[in-house]
Each structure stands twice: as C-alpha cells, then as structure tokens.
N, C-alpha and C. Protein backbone atom coordinates (compact mmCIF):
# COMPACT_ATOMS: atom_id res chain seq x y z
N MET A 1 -0.51 -5.03 29.52
CA MET A 1 -0.73 -5.50 28.26
C MET A 1 -0.31 -4.40 27.15
N PHE A 2 -0.72 -3.31 27.54
CA PHE A 2 -0.01 -2.09 26.98
C PHE A 2 1.22 -1.85 26.34
N ASP A 3 2.14 -2.35 27.30
CA ASP A 3 3.45 -2.07 27.33
C ASP A 3 4.02 -2.87 26.63
N VAL A 4 3.51 -4.33 26.10
CA VAL A 4 3.81 -5.37 25.39
C VAL A 4 3.21 -5.04 23.70
N LEU A 5 2.27 -4.48 23.88
CA LEU A 5 2.22 -3.68 22.35
C LEU A 5 2.84 -2.69 21.89
N ASP A 6 3.37 -2.04 22.72
CA ASP A 6 4.04 -0.26 22.45
C ASP A 6 5.40 -1.08 22.41
N ALA A 7 5.61 -1.80 21.23
CA ALA A 7 7.17 -2.67 21.17
C ALA A 7 8.52 -1.70 21.22
N ASP A 8 7.73 -0.61 20.76
CA ASP A 8 9.17 0.60 20.54
C ASP A 8 9.29 1.12 21.84
N GLY A 9 8.44 1.11 22.94
CA GLY A 9 8.50 2.08 24.40
C GLY A 9 8.38 3.18 23.91
N SER A 10 7.34 3.80 23.00
CA SER A 10 7.45 5.32 22.75
C SER A 10 6.26 5.96 23.31
N GLY A 11 5.59 5.12 24.56
CA GLY A 11 4.53 5.72 24.97
C GLY A 11 3.15 5.65 24.73
N SER A 12 3.22 5.10 23.15
CA SER A 12 1.93 4.66 22.51
C SER A 12 2.07 4.03 21.35
N ILE A 13 0.82 3.19 21.19
CA ILE A 13 0.57 2.18 19.81
C ILE A 13 0.67 2.76 18.86
N SER A 14 1.35 2.54 18.00
CA SER A 14 1.12 3.06 16.35
C SER A 14 0.26 1.87 15.17
N ARG A 15 0.12 2.26 14.55
CA ARG A 15 -0.78 1.26 13.75
C ARG A 15 0.06 -0.09 13.36
N ILE A 16 1.54 0.23 13.05
CA ILE A 16 2.38 -0.82 12.50
C ILE A 16 2.04 -1.69 13.51
N GLU A 17 2.38 -1.45 15.18
CA GLU A 17 2.45 -1.97 16.63
C GLU A 17 1.25 -2.88 16.61
N MET A 18 0.12 -2.18 16.25
CA MET A 18 -0.86 -2.92 16.59
C MET A 18 -1.17 -4.09 15.25
N VAL A 19 -1.23 -3.71 14.31
CA VAL A 19 -0.97 -4.92 13.24
C VAL A 19 -0.35 -6.00 13.71
N LYS A 20 1.11 -5.60 13.83
CA LYS A 20 1.92 -7.04 14.43
C LYS A 20 1.38 -7.50 15.51
N ALA A 21 0.53 -6.98 16.39
CA ALA A 21 0.18 -7.43 17.58
C ALA A 21 -0.99 -8.42 17.48
N ILE A 22 -1.78 -7.87 16.60
CA ILE A 22 -3.25 -8.66 16.07
C ILE A 22 -2.80 -10.05 15.46
N ARG A 23 -1.90 -9.82 14.44
CA ARG A 23 -1.54 -11.08 13.46
C ARG A 23 -0.62 -12.27 14.50
N ALA A 24 -0.09 -11.46 15.96
CA ALA A 24 0.34 -12.66 16.83
C ALA A 24 -0.29 -13.13 17.54
N SER A 25 -1.55 -12.34 17.80
CA SER A 25 -2.67 -12.81 19.14
C SER A 25 -4.03 -12.55 18.47
N PRO A 26 -4.65 -13.96 18.14
CA PRO A 26 -6.04 -14.17 17.71
C PRO A 26 -6.89 -13.38 19.10
N VAL A 27 -6.28 -13.47 20.29
CA VAL A 27 -7.40 -13.03 21.40
C VAL A 27 -7.51 -11.71 21.20
N LEU A 28 -6.42 -10.75 21.00
CA LEU A 28 -6.21 -9.38 20.72
C LEU A 28 -7.26 -9.21 19.64
N ALA A 29 -7.17 -9.70 18.46
CA ALA A 29 -8.05 -9.48 17.29
C ALA A 29 -9.47 -9.73 17.64
N ALA A 30 -9.98 -10.75 18.59
CA ALA A 30 -10.81 -11.07 18.94
C ALA A 30 -11.61 -9.94 19.64
N MET A 31 -10.94 -9.38 20.64
CA MET A 31 -11.26 -8.01 21.73
C MET A 31 -11.83 -7.14 20.53
N LEU A 32 -10.91 -6.89 19.52
CA LEU A 32 -11.27 -5.64 18.68
C LEU A 32 -12.27 -6.05 17.46
N GLY A 33 -12.63 -7.47 17.71
CA GLY A 33 -13.90 -7.68 16.80
C GLY A 33 -13.32 -8.21 15.15
N LEU A 34 -11.92 -8.39 15.29
CA LEU A 34 -11.18 -8.81 14.13
C LEU A 34 -11.06 -10.31 14.18
N SER A 35 -10.81 -10.94 12.83
CA SER A 35 -10.41 -12.07 12.72
C SER A 35 -8.54 -11.85 12.58
N GLY A 36 -7.87 -12.71 13.12
CA GLY A 36 -6.55 -12.79 13.09
C GLY A 36 -6.05 -13.00 11.55
N THR A 37 -6.97 -14.36 11.22
CA THR A 37 -6.55 -14.91 9.55
C THR A 37 -6.76 -13.67 8.67
N THR A 38 -7.85 -12.85 8.81
CA THR A 38 -8.52 -11.94 7.76
C THR A 38 -7.46 -10.53 8.06
N ILE A 39 -6.68 -10.55 9.11
CA ILE A 39 -6.14 -9.26 9.06
C ILE A 39 -4.49 -9.80 8.74
N LYS A 40 -4.16 -11.27 8.47
CA LYS A 40 -3.22 -11.37 8.19
C LYS A 40 -2.38 -10.94 6.99
N ASP A 41 -3.29 -10.71 5.86
CA ASP A 41 -3.04 -9.99 4.44
C ASP A 41 -3.27 -8.59 4.45
N MET A 42 -4.09 -8.28 5.34
CA MET A 42 -4.37 -6.69 5.41
C MET A 42 -4.52 -6.15 4.09
N VAL A 43 -5.62 -6.55 3.04
CA VAL A 43 -6.22 -6.30 2.18
C VAL A 43 -7.66 -6.17 1.99
N GLY A 44 -8.25 -5.06 1.50
CA GLY A 44 -9.74 -5.04 0.84
C GLY A 44 -10.59 -4.93 2.47
N GLU A 45 -11.15 -5.52 2.77
CA GLU A 45 -12.39 -5.55 3.92
C GLU A 45 -11.72 -5.46 4.89
N SER A 46 -10.27 -6.11 5.18
CA SER A 46 -9.82 -6.57 6.48
C SER A 46 -9.13 -5.33 6.40
N VAL A 47 -8.70 -4.40 6.00
CA VAL A 47 -8.11 -3.04 6.34
C VAL A 47 -9.00 -2.15 6.78
N LEU A 48 -10.53 -2.03 6.22
CA LEU A 48 -11.39 -1.07 6.26
C LEU A 48 -11.77 -1.63 7.75
N ALA A 49 -11.60 -2.97 8.10
CA ALA A 49 -12.25 -3.28 9.54
C ALA A 49 -11.16 -2.79 10.39
N PHE A 50 -9.98 -2.91 10.37
CA PHE A 50 -9.05 -2.56 11.03
C PHE A 50 -8.82 -1.24 11.51
N ASN A 51 -9.02 -0.53 10.50
CA ASN A 51 -9.03 1.34 10.48
C ASN A 51 -10.17 1.29 11.15
N GLN A 52 -11.36 1.03 11.55
CA GLN A 52 -12.30 1.01 12.21
C GLN A 52 -12.36 0.83 13.88
N ALA A 53 -11.57 -0.34 13.48
CA ALA A 53 -10.95 -0.81 15.08
C ALA A 53 -10.23 0.23 15.75
N PHE A 54 -9.20 0.32 14.56
CA PHE A 54 -7.96 1.47 15.40
C PHE A 54 -8.65 2.73 15.72
N ALA A 55 -9.73 3.21 14.73
CA ALA A 55 -10.32 4.61 15.28
C ALA A 55 -11.11 4.55 16.20
N GLN A 56 -11.48 3.47 16.89
CA GLN A 56 -12.51 3.13 17.93
C GLN A 56 -11.42 3.35 19.41
N LEU A 57 -10.41 3.04 19.10
CA LEU A 57 -9.23 3.35 20.09
C LEU A 57 -8.31 4.75 20.32
N ASP A 58 -8.20 4.98 19.00
CA ASP A 58 -7.56 6.45 19.05
C ASP A 58 -8.68 7.33 19.10
N THR A 59 -9.25 7.87 20.24
CA THR A 59 -10.27 8.51 20.26
C THR A 59 -9.91 10.26 20.03
N ASP A 60 -8.47 10.27 20.13
CA ASP A 60 -8.21 11.91 19.78
C ASP A 60 -7.92 11.91 18.34
N ALA A 61 -7.92 10.84 17.63
CA ALA A 61 -7.44 10.53 16.28
C ALA A 61 -5.92 11.29 15.75
N ASP A 62 -5.02 11.24 16.78
CA ASP A 62 -3.54 11.77 16.70
C ASP A 62 -3.16 10.68 15.80
N GLY A 63 -3.31 9.36 15.48
CA GLY A 63 -2.96 8.41 14.57
C GLY A 63 -2.03 7.33 15.71
N THR A 64 -2.14 7.79 16.83
CA THR A 64 -1.48 6.68 17.50
C THR A 64 -2.51 6.16 18.79
N ILE A 65 -2.22 5.44 19.51
CA ILE A 65 -3.17 5.02 20.88
C ILE A 65 -2.59 5.09 21.79
N SER A 66 -2.81 5.94 22.98
CA SER A 66 -2.16 6.23 24.23
C SER A 66 -2.33 5.37 24.83
N ARG A 67 -1.38 5.42 26.44
CA ARG A 67 -2.19 4.48 27.39
C ARG A 67 -3.25 4.88 27.99
N SER A 68 -3.87 5.94 27.97
CA SER A 68 -4.98 6.27 28.54
C SER A 68 -6.09 5.74 27.37
N GLU A 69 -6.19 6.29 26.44
CA GLU A 69 -6.70 5.67 25.41
C GLU A 69 -6.90 4.21 25.33
N PHE A 70 -5.84 3.64 25.59
CA PHE A 70 -6.19 1.78 25.55
C PHE A 70 -6.88 1.58 27.02
N HIS A 71 -6.49 1.88 28.10
CA HIS A 71 -7.22 1.74 29.30
C HIS A 71 -8.56 1.84 29.29
N ASP A 72 -9.16 3.14 28.62
CA ASP A 72 -10.57 3.36 28.45
C ASP A 72 -10.78 2.35 27.76
N PHE A 73 -10.43 1.83 26.53
CA PHE A 73 -11.15 0.74 25.81
C PHE A 73 -11.26 -0.47 26.76
N ILE A 74 -10.13 -0.83 27.38
CA ILE A 74 -10.37 -2.11 28.38
C ILE A 74 -11.62 -2.26 29.12
N ARG A 75 -11.44 -0.46 30.03
CA ARG A 75 -12.38 -0.62 30.76
C ARG A 75 -13.96 -0.63 30.17
N LYS A 76 -14.28 -0.13 28.98
CA LYS A 76 -15.64 -0.08 28.70
C LYS A 76 -15.94 -1.56 28.03
N LEU A 77 -14.87 -2.38 27.37
CA LEU A 77 -14.99 -4.05 27.37
C LEU A 77 -15.47 -4.68 28.58
N GLN A 78 -14.77 -4.15 29.72
CA GLN A 78 -14.97 -4.85 30.76
C GLN A 78 -16.59 -4.75 31.28
N SER A 79 -16.72 -3.43 31.25
CA SER A 79 -18.06 -2.90 31.21
C SER A 79 -19.22 -3.56 30.61
N ASN A 80 -18.84 -3.59 29.57
CA ASN A 80 -19.59 -4.38 28.79
C ASN A 80 -20.10 -5.92 29.01
N ASP A 81 -18.74 -6.39 29.34
CA ASP A 81 -18.83 -8.06 29.84
C ASP A 81 -19.81 -8.40 31.00
N ALA A 82 -19.39 -7.07 31.86
CA ALA A 82 -20.10 -7.28 33.11
C ALA A 82 -21.77 -7.33 32.87
N ALA A 83 -22.00 -5.93 32.18
CA ALA A 83 -23.20 -5.93 31.68
C ALA A 83 -23.96 -6.90 31.03
N SER A 84 -23.41 -7.62 30.02
CA SER A 84 -23.84 -9.20 29.60
C SER A 84 -24.14 -10.08 30.38
N SER A 85 -23.20 -10.06 31.36
CA SER A 85 -23.10 -11.33 32.47
C SER A 85 -24.24 -11.17 33.18
N SER A 86 -24.57 -10.02 33.49
CA SER A 86 -25.38 -9.53 34.96
C SER A 86 -27.60 -9.87 33.92
N VAL A 87 -27.30 -9.78 32.75
CA VAL A 87 -28.40 -9.97 31.73
C VAL A 87 -28.52 -11.22 31.70
N SER A 88 -27.56 -11.96 31.54
CA SER A 88 -27.86 -13.34 30.97
C SER A 88 -28.23 -14.49 32.59
N ARG A 89 -28.30 -13.48 33.51
CA ARG A 89 -28.20 -14.34 34.55
C ARG A 89 -29.86 -14.60 34.59
C-alpha cells in the first residue's frame, strides 16, 4: 500500500500525495478517521482534521511520511483492531 501512496516513488509520502490518496480512497480516509467527502474540498475543519491525521503518521515531523512511519501506523491499527476484537468476544 505504501508504494501506491508514494506516487512519485520518492520513498516518502508527501501531503499532496496523501490528499490525493484520501480523495481517491474512502477506505484510506476512514482508516485515518477522515471522511472522504469532507476532505474533497479541503477547507476549514477538514484541513485541521487532515493536518492532525498527517501528524499522527509523520512522527518525526519532517513533513513527509516515511515507509517505516507508515508501517508503524498500520501495525498500531492492527493492534487496536486485535484488542477490540478480543474485548468484544
């Protein structure tokens, strides 16, 4: 999935690449806690929500999401899903 988001092949995901990906994928938007329709226009609160989501992934705050930052985020999501599943059983 990282390689798809890294459209220019630079080895990191820029803000522009992430916005384009969110607009194209409601599933990705939902993973980040964003609504694809809200992100469509990128105004007001949707900009704030996007910036917060991007900051969660960009843990070193360099303005891009590295492969390791992205994979760390996915692992956290999977851990949270596993924990939620075991609690609901």
